[in-house]
Amino acid sequence: DRVHPSFTEMSRDSDDDLFKLLTVEVNGSMADFIQA
């Protein structure tokens, strides 16, 4: 019925050049998703 994003994001640590994998469901508005 719906698919959701599983996405990469760079570490916020300035000494770390690695990324992490995040999965967040999209069920509401853009603002809802950004907050989640």
PDB file of all heavy atoms in Angstrom:
ATOM      1  N   ASP A   1       0.834  -1.200   0.000  1.00  0.00           N
ATOM      2  CA  ASP A   1       0.000   0.000   0.000  1.00  0.00           C
ATOM      3  C   ASP A   1       0.869   1.251   0.000  1.00  0.00           C
ATOM      4  O   ASP A   1       0.553   2.238  -0.657  1.00  0.00           O
ATOM      5  CB  ASP A   1      -0.920   0.021   1.224  1.00  0.00           C
ATOM      6  CG  ASP A   1      -1.977  -1.067   1.177  1.00  0.00           C
ATOM      7  OD1 ASP A   1      -2.372  -1.458   0.065  1.00  0.00           O
ATOM      8  OD2 ASP A   1      -2.395  -1.529   2.255  1.00  0.00           O
ATOM      9  N   ARG A   2       1.976   1.189   0.763  1.00  0.00           N
ATOM     10  CA  ARG A   2       2.898   2.311   0.845  1.00  0.00           C
ATOM     11  C   ARG A   2       4.323   1.781   0.999  1.00  0.00           C
ATOM     12  O   ARG A   2       4.521   0.672   1.512  1.00  0.00           O
ATOM     13  CB  ARG A   2       2.591   3.214   2.052  1.00  0.00           C
ATOM     14  CG  ARG A   2       1.254   3.910   2.003  1.00  0.00           C
ATOM     15  CD  ARG A   2       1.123   4.922   3.119  1.00  0.00           C
ATOM     16  NE  ARG A   2       2.108   5.992   3.020  1.00  0.00           N
ATOM     17  CZ  ARG A   2       2.029   7.009   2.165  1.00  0.00           C
ATOM     18  NH1 ARG A   2       1.016   7.089   1.334  1.00  0.00           N
ATOM     19  NH2 ARG A   2       2.958   7.948   2.141  1.00  0.00           N
ATOM     20  N   VAL A   3       5.282   2.567   0.542  1.00  0.00           N
ATOM     21  CA  VAL A   3       6.687   2.255   0.791  1.00  0.00           C
ATOM     22  C   VAL A   3       7.292   3.434   1.556  1.00  0.00           C
ATOM     23  O   VAL A   3       6.754   4.549   1.552  1.00  0.00           O
ATOM     24  CB  VAL A   3       7.462   1.990  -0.513  1.00  0.00           C
ATOM     25  CG1 VAL A   3       6.957   0.721  -1.175  1.00  0.00           C
ATOM     26  CG2 VAL A   3       7.368   3.172  -1.478  1.00  0.00           C
ATOM     27  N   HIS A   4       8.431   3.177   2.204  1.00  0.00           N
ATOM     28  CA  HIS A   4       9.035   4.156   3.098  1.00  0.00           C
ATOM     29  C   HIS A   4      10.536   4.248   2.810  1.00  0.00           C
ATOM     30  O   HIS A   4      11.145   3.275   2.340  1.00  0.00           O
ATOM     31  CB  HIS A   4       8.791   3.764   4.548  1.00  0.00           C
ATOM     32  CG  HIS A   4       7.339   3.559   4.874  1.00  0.00           C
ATOM     33  ND1 HIS A   4       6.496   4.599   5.164  1.00  0.00           N
ATOM     34  CD2 HIS A   4       6.585   2.417   4.919  1.00  0.00           C
ATOM     35  CE1 HIS A   4       5.278   4.122   5.386  1.00  0.00           C
ATOM     36  NE2 HIS A   4       5.303   2.808   5.252  1.00  0.00           N
ATOM     37  N   PRO A   5      11.162   5.374   3.119  1.00  0.00           N
ATOM     38  CA  PRO A   5      12.580   5.543   2.790  1.00  0.00           C
ATOM     39  C   PRO A   5      13.525   4.954   3.835  1.00  0.00           C
ATOM     40  O   PRO A   5      13.351   5.151   5.039  1.00  0.00           O
ATOM     41  CB  PRO A   5      12.733   7.069   2.730  1.00  0.00           C
ATOM     42  CG  PRO A   5      11.710   7.577   3.709  1.00  0.00           C
ATOM     43  CD  PRO A   5      10.545   6.614   3.617  1.00  0.00           C
ATOM     44  N   SER A   6      14.519   4.240   3.352  1.00  0.00           N
ATOM     45  CA  SER A   6      15.652   3.806   4.159  1.00  0.00           C
ATOM     46  C   SER A   6      16.858   4.499   3.534  1.00  0.00           C
ATOM     47  O   SER A   6      17.210   4.215   2.378  1.00  0.00           O
ATOM     48  CB  SER A   6      15.796   2.286   4.129  1.00  0.00           C
ATOM     49  OG  SER A   6      16.810   1.854   4.997  1.00  0.00           O
ATOM     50  N   PHE A   7      17.487   5.416   4.257  1.00  0.00           N
ATOM     51  CA  PHE A   7      18.424   6.330   3.611  1.00  0.00           C
ATOM     52  C   PHE A   7      19.706   6.522   4.421  1.00  0.00           C
ATOM     53  O   PHE A   7      19.735   6.301   5.635  1.00  0.00           O
ATOM     54  CB  PHE A   7      17.763   7.691   3.373  1.00  0.00           C
ATOM     55  CG  PHE A   7      17.179   8.343   4.610  1.00  0.00           C
ATOM     56  CD1 PHE A   7      17.896   9.266   5.332  1.00  0.00           C
ATOM     57  CD2 PHE A   7      15.893   8.029   5.026  1.00  0.00           C
ATOM     58  CE1 PHE A   7      17.369   9.873   6.460  1.00  0.00           C
ATOM     59  CE2 PHE A   7      15.334   8.630   6.153  1.00  0.00           C
ATOM     60  CZ  PHE A   7      16.071   9.553   6.877  1.00  0.00           C
ATOM     61  N   THR A   8      20.742   6.929   3.722  1.00  0.00           N
ATOM     62  CA  THR A   8      22.027   7.188   4.354  1.00  0.00           C
ATOM     63  C   THR A   8      22.071   8.627   4.857  1.00  0.00           C
ATOM     64  O   THR A   8      21.414   9.524   4.309  1.00  0.00           O
ATOM     65  CB  THR A   8      23.189   6.968   3.370  1.00  0.00           C
ATOM     66  OG1 THR A   8      23.044   7.869   2.259  1.00  0.00           O
ATOM     67  CG2 THR A   8      23.215   5.547   2.869  1.00  0.00           C
ATOM     68  N   GLU A   9      22.881   8.837   5.908  1.00  0.00           N
ATOM     69  CA  GLU A   9      23.105  10.186   6.414  1.00  0.00           C
ATOM     70  C   GLU A   9      24.503  10.249   7.005  1.00  0.00           C
ATOM     71  O   GLU A   9      24.898   9.374   7.774  1.00  0.00           O
ATOM     72  CB  GLU A   9      22.062  10.551   7.469  1.00  0.00           C
ATOM     73  CG  GLU A   9      22.246  11.956   8.031  1.00  0.00           C
ATOM     74  CD  GLU A   9      21.164  12.333   9.023  1.00  0.00           C
ATOM     75  OE1 GLU A   9      20.104  12.800   8.589  1.00  0.00           O
ATOM     76  OE2 GLU A   9      21.380  12.137  10.238  1.00  0.00           O
ATOM     77  N   MET A  10      25.239  11.270   6.640  1.00  0.00           N
ATOM     78  CA  MET A  10      26.602  11.425   7.149  1.00  0.00           C
ATOM     79  C   MET A  10      26.574  11.722   8.641  1.00  0.00           C
ATOM     80  O   MET A  10      25.662  12.380   9.160  1.00  0.00           O
ATOM     81  CB  MET A  10      27.326  12.548   6.419  1.00  0.00           C
ATOM     82  CG  MET A  10      27.637  12.241   4.964  1.00  0.00           C
ATOM     83  SD  MET A  10      28.704  10.780   4.745  1.00  0.00           S
ATOM     84  CE  MET A  10      30.223  11.342   5.531  1.00  0.00           C
ATOM     85  N   SER A  11      27.599  11.249   9.322  1.00  0.00           N
ATOM     86  CA  SER A  11      27.739  11.515  10.749  1.00  0.00           C
ATOM     87  C   SER A  11      27.885  13.013  10.992  1.00  0.00           C
ATOM     88  O   SER A  11      28.484  13.740  10.193  1.00  0.00           O
ATOM     89  CB  SER A  11      28.981  10.796  11.299  1.00  0.00           C
ATOM     90  OG  SER A  11      29.241  11.192  12.622  1.00  0.00           O
ATOM     91  N   ARG A  12      27.302  13.487  12.081  1.00  0.00           N
ATOM     92  CA  ARG A  12      27.410  14.908  12.440  1.00  0.00           C
ATOM     93  C   ARG A  12      28.710  15.203  13.192  1.00  0.00           C
ATOM     94  O   ARG A  12      28.997  16.349  13.511  1.00  0.00           O
ATOM     95  CB  ARG A  12      26.197  15.321  13.272  1.00  0.00           C
ATOM     96  CG  ARG A  12      24.880  15.130  12.512  1.00  0.00           C
ATOM     97  CD  ARG A  12      23.688  15.600  13.315  1.00  0.00           C
ATOM     98  NE  ARG A  12      22.435  15.245  12.676  1.00  0.00           N
ATOM     99  CZ  ARG A  12      21.869  15.929  11.695  1.00  0.00           C
ATOM    100  NH1 ARG A  12      22.456  17.014  11.245  1.00  0.00           N
ATOM    101  NH2 ARG A  12      20.723  15.537  11.171  1.00  0.00           N
ATOM    102  N   ASP A  13      29.478  14.155  13.482  1.00  0.00           N
ATOM    103  CA  ASP A  13      30.772  14.307  14.150  1.00  0.00           C
ATOM    104  C   ASP A  13      31.807  14.731  13.111  1.00  0.00           C
ATOM    105  O   ASP A  13      32.030  14.035  12.119  1.00  0.00           O
ATOM    106  CB  ASP A  13      31.174  12.973  14.801  1.00  0.00           C
ATOM    107  CG  ASP A  13      32.452  13.088  15.623  1.00  0.00           C
ATOM    108  OD1 ASP A  13      33.199  14.063  15.434  1.00  0.00           O
ATOM    109  OD2 ASP A  13      32.704  12.177  16.427  1.00  0.00           O
ATOM    110  N   SER A  14      32.438  15.866  13.330  1.00  0.00           N
ATOM    111  CA  SER A  14      33.385  16.402  12.345  1.00  0.00           C
ATOM    112  C   SER A  14      34.592  15.495  12.150  1.00  0.00           C
ATOM    113  O   SER A  14      35.295  15.604  11.143  1.00  0.00           O
ATOM    114  CB  SER A  14      33.844  17.798  12.771  1.00  0.00           C
ATOM    115  OG  SER A  14      34.483  17.753  14.044  1.00  0.00           O
ATOM    116  N   ASP A  15      34.858  14.606  13.108  1.00  0.00           N
ATOM    117  CA  ASP A  15      36.005  13.703  12.993  1.00  0.00           C
ATOM    118  C   ASP A  15      35.622  12.363  12.356  1.00  0.00           C
ATOM    119  O   ASP A  15      36.462  11.469  12.251  1.00  0.00           O
ATOM    120  CB  ASP A  15      36.606  13.444  14.381  1.00  0.00           C
ATOM    121  CG  ASP A  15      37.192  14.710  14.997  1.00  0.00           C
ATOM    122  OD1 ASP A  15      37.708  15.541  14.225  1.00  0.00           O
ATOM    123  OD2 ASP A  15      37.111  14.862  16.229  1.00  0.00           O
ATOM    124  N   ASP A  16      34.382  12.216  11.954  1.00  0.00           N
ATOM    125  CA  ASP A  16      33.884  10.937  11.448  1.00  0.00           C
ATOM    126  C   ASP A  16      33.409  11.121  10.011  1.00  0.00           C
ATOM    127  O   ASP A  16      32.524  11.928   9.735  1.00  0.00           O
ATOM    128  CB  ASP A  16      32.718  10.466  12.337  1.00  0.00           C
ATOM    129  CG  ASP A  16      32.281   9.039  12.027  1.00  0.00           C
ATOM    130  OD1 ASP A  16      32.746   8.484  11.010  1.00  0.00           O
ATOM    131  OD2 ASP A  16      31.470   8.495  12.794  1.00  0.00           O
ATOM    132  N   ASP A  17      34.030  10.378   9.077  1.00  0.00           N
ATOM    133  CA  ASP A  17      33.612  10.485   7.681  1.00  0.00           C
ATOM    134  C   ASP A  17      32.733   9.315   7.262  1.00  0.00           C
ATOM    135  O   ASP A  17      32.605   9.017   6.073  1.00  0.00           O
ATOM    136  CB  ASP A  17      34.831  10.588   6.759  1.00  0.00           C
ATOM    137  CG  ASP A  17      35.740   9.359   6.850  1.00  0.00           C
ATOM    138  OD1 ASP A  17      35.446   8.441   7.648  1.00  0.00           O
ATOM    139  OD2 ASP A  17      36.741   9.313   6.105  1.00  0.00           O
ATOM    140  N   LEU A  18      32.091   8.651   8.223  1.00  0.00           N
ATOM    141  CA  LEU A  18      31.229   7.517   7.943  1.00  0.00           C
ATOM    142  C   LEU A  18      29.757   7.943   7.968  1.00  0.00           C
ATOM    143  O   LEU A  18      29.404   8.981   8.508  1.00  0.00           O
ATOM    144  CB  LEU A  18      31.465   6.402   8.972  1.00  0.00           C
ATOM    145  CG  LEU A  18      32.885   5.834   9.004  1.00  0.00           C
ATOM    146  CD1 LEU A  18      33.026   4.841  10.153  1.00  0.00           C
ATOM    147  CD2 LEU A  18      33.241   5.179   7.672  1.00  0.00           C
ATOM    148  N   PHE A  19      28.914   7.117   7.363  1.00  0.00           N
ATOM    149  CA  PHE A  19      27.489   7.406   7.346  1.00  0.00           C
ATOM    150  C   PHE A  19      26.745   6.368   8.179  1.00  0.00           C
ATOM    151  O   PHE A  19      27.265   5.291   8.485  1.00  0.00           O
ATOM    152  CB  PHE A  19      26.943   7.400   5.909  1.00  0.00           C
ATOM    153  CG  PHE A  19      26.946   6.038   5.252  1.00  0.00           C
ATOM    154  CD1 PHE A  19      25.872   5.164   5.409  1.00  0.00           C
ATOM    155  CD2 PHE A  19      28.014   5.635   4.467  1.00  0.00           C
ATOM    156  CE1 PHE A  19      25.875   3.916   4.803  1.00  0.00           C
ATOM    157  CE2 PHE A  19      28.031   4.381   3.864  1.00  0.00           C
ATOM    158  CZ  PHE A  19      26.959   3.525   4.031  1.00  0.00           C
ATOM    159  N   LYS A  20      25.514   6.700   8.528  1.00  0.00           N
ATOM    160  CA  LYS A  20      24.631   5.725   9.157  1.00  0.00           C
ATOM    161  C   LYS A  20      23.386   5.561   8.293  1.00  0.00           C
ATOM    162  O   LYS A  20      23.083   6.411   7.435  1.00  0.00           O
ATOM    163  CB  LYS A  20      24.260   6.143  10.582  1.00  0.00           C
ATOM    164  CG  LYS A  20      23.596   7.485  10.735  1.00  0.00           C
ATOM    165  CD  LYS A  20      23.390   7.803  12.227  1.00  0.00           C
ATOM    166  CE  LYS A  20      22.843   9.198  12.447  1.00  0.00           C
ATOM    167  NZ  LYS A  20      22.685   9.501  13.895  1.00  0.00           N
ATOM    168  N   LEU A  21      22.698   4.467   8.510  1.00  0.00           N
ATOM    169  CA  LEU A  21      21.506   4.133   7.740  1.00  0.00           C
ATOM    170  C   LEU A  21      20.284   4.366   8.619  1.00  0.00           C
ATOM    171  O   LEU A  21      20.161   3.795   9.701  1.00  0.00           O
ATOM    172  CB  LEU A  21      21.560   2.675   7.290  1.00  0.00           C
ATOM    173  CG  LEU A  21      20.442   2.191   6.368  1.00  0.00           C
ATOM    174  CD1 LEU A  21      20.544   2.887   5.021  1.00  0.00           C
ATOM    175  CD2 LEU A  21      20.523   0.679   6.189  1.00  0.00           C
ATOM    176  N   LEU A  22      19.391   5.229   8.151  1.00  0.00           N
ATOM    177  CA  LEU A  22      18.181   5.568   8.888  1.00  0.00           C
ATOM    178  C   LEU A  22      16.955   5.092   8.129  1.00  0.00           C
ATOM    179  O   LEU A  22      16.940   5.091   6.894  1.00  0.00           O
ATOM    180  CB  LEU A  22      18.068   7.082   9.086  1.00  0.00           C
ATOM    181  CG  LEU A  22      19.236   7.801   9.757  1.00  0.00           C
ATOM    182  CD1 LEU A  22      18.964   9.300   9.801  1.00  0.00           C
ATOM    183  CD2 LEU A  22      19.459   7.271  11.165  1.00  0.00           C
ATOM    184  N   THR A  23      15.940   4.692   8.849  1.00  0.00           N
ATOM    185  CA  THR A  23      14.663   4.321   8.252  1.00  0.00           C
ATOM    186  C   THR A  23      13.562   5.080   8.969  1.00  0.00           C
ATOM    187  O   THR A  23      13.438   4.990  10.193  1.00  0.00           O
ATOM    188  CB  THR A  23      14.418   2.804   8.362  1.00  0.00           C
ATOM    189  OG1 THR A  23      15.481   2.109   7.689  1.00  0.00           O
ATOM    190  CG2 THR A  23      13.096   2.428   7.717  1.00  0.00           C
ATOM    191  N   VAL A  24      12.800   5.848   8.206  1.00  0.00           N
ATOM    192  CA  VAL A  24      11.736   6.680   8.766  1.00  0.00           C
ATOM    193  C   VAL A  24      10.493   6.499   7.906  1.00  0.00           C
ATOM    194  O   VAL A  24      10.565   6.612   6.677  1.00  0.00           O
ATOM    195  CB  VAL A  24      12.141   8.168   8.798  1.00  0.00           C
ATOM    196  CG1 VAL A  24      11.022   9.015   9.411  1.00  0.00           C
ATOM    197  CG2 VAL A  24      13.444   8.360   9.564  1.00  0.00           C
ATOM    198  N   GLU A  25       9.368   6.238   8.520  1.00  0.00           N
ATOM    199  CA  GLU A  25       8.139   6.026   7.757  1.00  0.00           C
ATOM    200  C   GLU A  25       7.544   7.361   7.311  1.00  0.00           C
ATOM    201  O   GLU A  25       7.657   8.371   7.990  1.00  0.00           O
ATOM    202  CB  GLU A  25       7.132   5.222   8.574  1.00  0.00           C
ATOM    203  CG  GLU A  25       7.648   3.833   8.930  1.00  0.00           C
ATOM    204  CD  GLU A  25       6.527   2.843   9.196  1.00  0.00           C
ATOM    205  OE1 GLU A  25       5.353   3.257   9.233  1.00  0.00           O
ATOM    206  OE2 GLU A  25       6.850   1.648   9.361  1.00  0.00           O
ATOM    207  N   VAL A  26       6.924   7.332   6.137  1.00  0.00           N
ATOM    208  CA  VAL A  26       6.240   8.496   5.585  1.00  0.00           C
ATOM    209  C   VAL A  26       4.743   8.225   5.644  1.00  0.00           C
ATOM    210  O   VAL A  26       4.217   7.457   4.847  1.00  0.00           O
ATOM    211  CB  VAL A  26       6.681   8.770   4.130  1.00  0.00           C
ATOM    212  CG1 VAL A  26       5.815   9.857   3.502  1.00  0.00           C
ATOM    213  CG2 VAL A  26       8.141   9.172   4.086  1.00  0.00           C
ATOM    214  N   ASN A  27       4.077   8.833   6.596  1.00  0.00           N
ATOM    215  CA  ASN A  27       2.637   8.624   6.755  1.00  0.00           C
ATOM    216  C   ASN A  27       1.860   9.929   6.855  1.00  0.00           C
ATOM    217  O   ASN A  27       0.634   9.914   6.837  1.00  0.00           O
ATOM    218  CB  ASN A  27       2.359   7.789   8.016  1.00  0.00           C
ATOM    219  CG  ASN A  27       2.861   6.356   7.883  1.00  0.00           C
ATOM    220  OD1 ASN A  27       2.599   5.701   6.876  1.00  0.00           O
ATOM    221  ND2 ASN A  27       3.582   5.877   8.884  1.00  0.00           N
ATOM    222  N   GLY A  28       2.546  11.053   6.970  1.00  0.00           N
ATOM    223  CA  GLY A  28       1.870  12.330   7.127  1.00  0.00           C
ATOM    224  C   GLY A  28       2.416  13.373   6.184  1.00  0.00           C
ATOM    225  O   GLY A  28       2.787  13.084   5.045  1.00  0.00           O
ATOM    226  N   SER A  29       2.499  14.594   6.666  1.00  0.00           N
ATOM    227  CA  SER A  29       2.961  15.716   5.861  1.00  0.00           C
ATOM    228  C   SER A  29       4.484  15.752   5.787  1.00  0.00           C
ATOM    229  O   SER A  29       5.181  15.010   6.491  1.00  0.00           O
ATOM    230  CB  SER A  29       2.458  17.027   6.465  1.00  0.00           C
ATOM    231  OG  SER A  29       3.080  17.253   7.725  1.00  0.00           O
ATOM    232  N   MET A  30       5.005  16.653   4.961  1.00  0.00           N
ATOM    233  CA  MET A  30       6.448  16.839   4.891  1.00  0.00           C
ATOM    234  C   MET A  30       6.999  17.281   6.234  1.00  0.00           C
ATOM    235  O   MET A  30       8.053  16.807   6.677  1.00  0.00           O
ATOM    236  CB  MET A  30       6.805  17.859   3.807  1.00  0.00           C
ATOM    237  CG  MET A  30       8.294  18.113   3.668  1.00  0.00           C
ATOM    238  SD  MET A  30       8.721  19.359   2.427  1.00  0.00           S
ATOM    239  CE  MET A  30       8.299  18.493   0.910  1.00  0.00           C
ATOM    240  N   ALA A  31       6.289  18.182   6.907  1.00  0.00           N
ATOM    241  CA  ALA A  31       6.734  18.648   8.220  1.00  0.00           C
ATOM    242  C   ALA A  31       6.790  17.498   9.220  1.00  0.00           C
ATOM    243  O   ALA A  31       7.723  17.412  10.028  1.00  0.00           O
ATOM    244  CB  ALA A  31       5.797  19.744   8.724  1.00  0.00           C
ATOM    245  N   ASP A  32       5.803  16.612   9.165  1.00  0.00           N
ATOM    246  CA  ASP A  32       5.789  15.439  10.047  1.00  0.00           C
ATOM    247  C   ASP A  32       7.008  14.568   9.794  1.00  0.00           C
ATOM    248  O   ASP A  32       7.657  14.084  10.729  1.00  0.00           O
ATOM    249  CB  ASP A  32       4.517  14.611   9.836  1.00  0.00           C
ATOM    250  CG  ASP A  32       3.255  15.335  10.279  1.00  0.00           C
ATOM    251  OD1 ASP A  32       3.352  16.218  11.154  1.00  0.00           O
ATOM    252  OD2 ASP A  32       2.181  15.021   9.728  1.00  0.00           O
ATOM    253  N   PHE A  33       7.309  14.349   8.502  1.00  0.00           N
ATOM    254  CA  PHE A  33       8.447  13.499   8.157  1.00  0.00           C
ATOM    255  C   PHE A  33       9.762  14.128   8.605  1.00  0.00           C
ATOM    256  O   PHE A  33      10.632  13.447   9.161  1.00  0.00           O
ATOM    257  CB  PHE A  33       8.496  13.227   6.655  1.00  0.00           C
ATOM    258  CG  PHE A  33       9.743  12.492   6.239  1.00  0.00           C
ATOM    259  CD1 PHE A  33       9.872  11.138   6.475  1.00  0.00           C
ATOM    260  CD2 PHE A  33      10.797  13.174   5.650  1.00  0.00           C
ATOM    261  CE1 PHE A  33      11.039  10.460   6.130  1.00  0.00           C
ATOM    262  CE2 PHE A  33      11.960  12.515   5.304  1.00  0.00           C
ATOM    263  CZ  PHE A  33      12.074  11.155   5.545  1.00  0.00           C
ATOM    264  N   ILE A  34       9.930  15.413   8.367  1.00  0.00           N
ATOM    265  CA  ILE A  34      11.172  16.082   8.746  1.00  0.00           C
ATOM    266  C   ILE A  34      11.387  15.994  10.246  1.00  0.00           C
ATOM    267  O   ILE A  34      12.500  15.713  10.717  1.00  0.00           O
ATOM    268  CB  ILE A  34      11.156  17.546   8.260  1.00  0.00           C
ATOM    269  CG1 ILE A  34      11.286  17.589   6.732  1.00  0.00           C
ATOM    270  CG2 ILE A  34      12.278  18.344   8.909  1.00  0.00           C
ATOM    271  CD1 ILE A  34      11.119  18.971   6.136  1.00  0.00           C
ATOM    272  N   GLN A  35      10.341  16.197  11.013  1.00  0.00           N
ATOM    273  CA  GLN A  35      10.465  16.078  12.470  1.00  0.00           C
ATOM    274  C   GLN A  35      10.848  14.663  12.874  1.00  0.00           C
ATOM    275  O   GLN A  35      11.738  14.458  13.711  1.00  0.00           O
ATOM    276  CB  GLN A  35       9.152  16.478  13.150  1.00  0.00           C
ATOM    277  CG  GLN A  35       9.210  16.376  14.675  1.00  0.00           C
ATOM    278  CD  GLN A  35       7.906  16.786  15.336  1.00  0.00           C
ATOM    279  OE1 GLN A  35       7.018  17.346  14.699  1.00  0.00           O
ATOM    280  NE2 GLN A  35       7.782  16.494  16.624  1.00  0.00           N
ATOM    281  N   ALA A  36      10.195  13.659  12.260  1.00  0.00           N
ATOM    282  CA  ALA A  36      10.499  12.265  12.583  1.00  0.00           C
ATOM    283  C   ALA A  36      11.923  11.906  12.176  1.00  0.00           C
ATOM    284  O   ALA A  36      12.622  11.174  12.888  1.00  0.00           O
ATOM    285  CB  ALA A  36       9.500  11.340  11.892  1.00  0.00           C
TER     286      ALA A  36
END
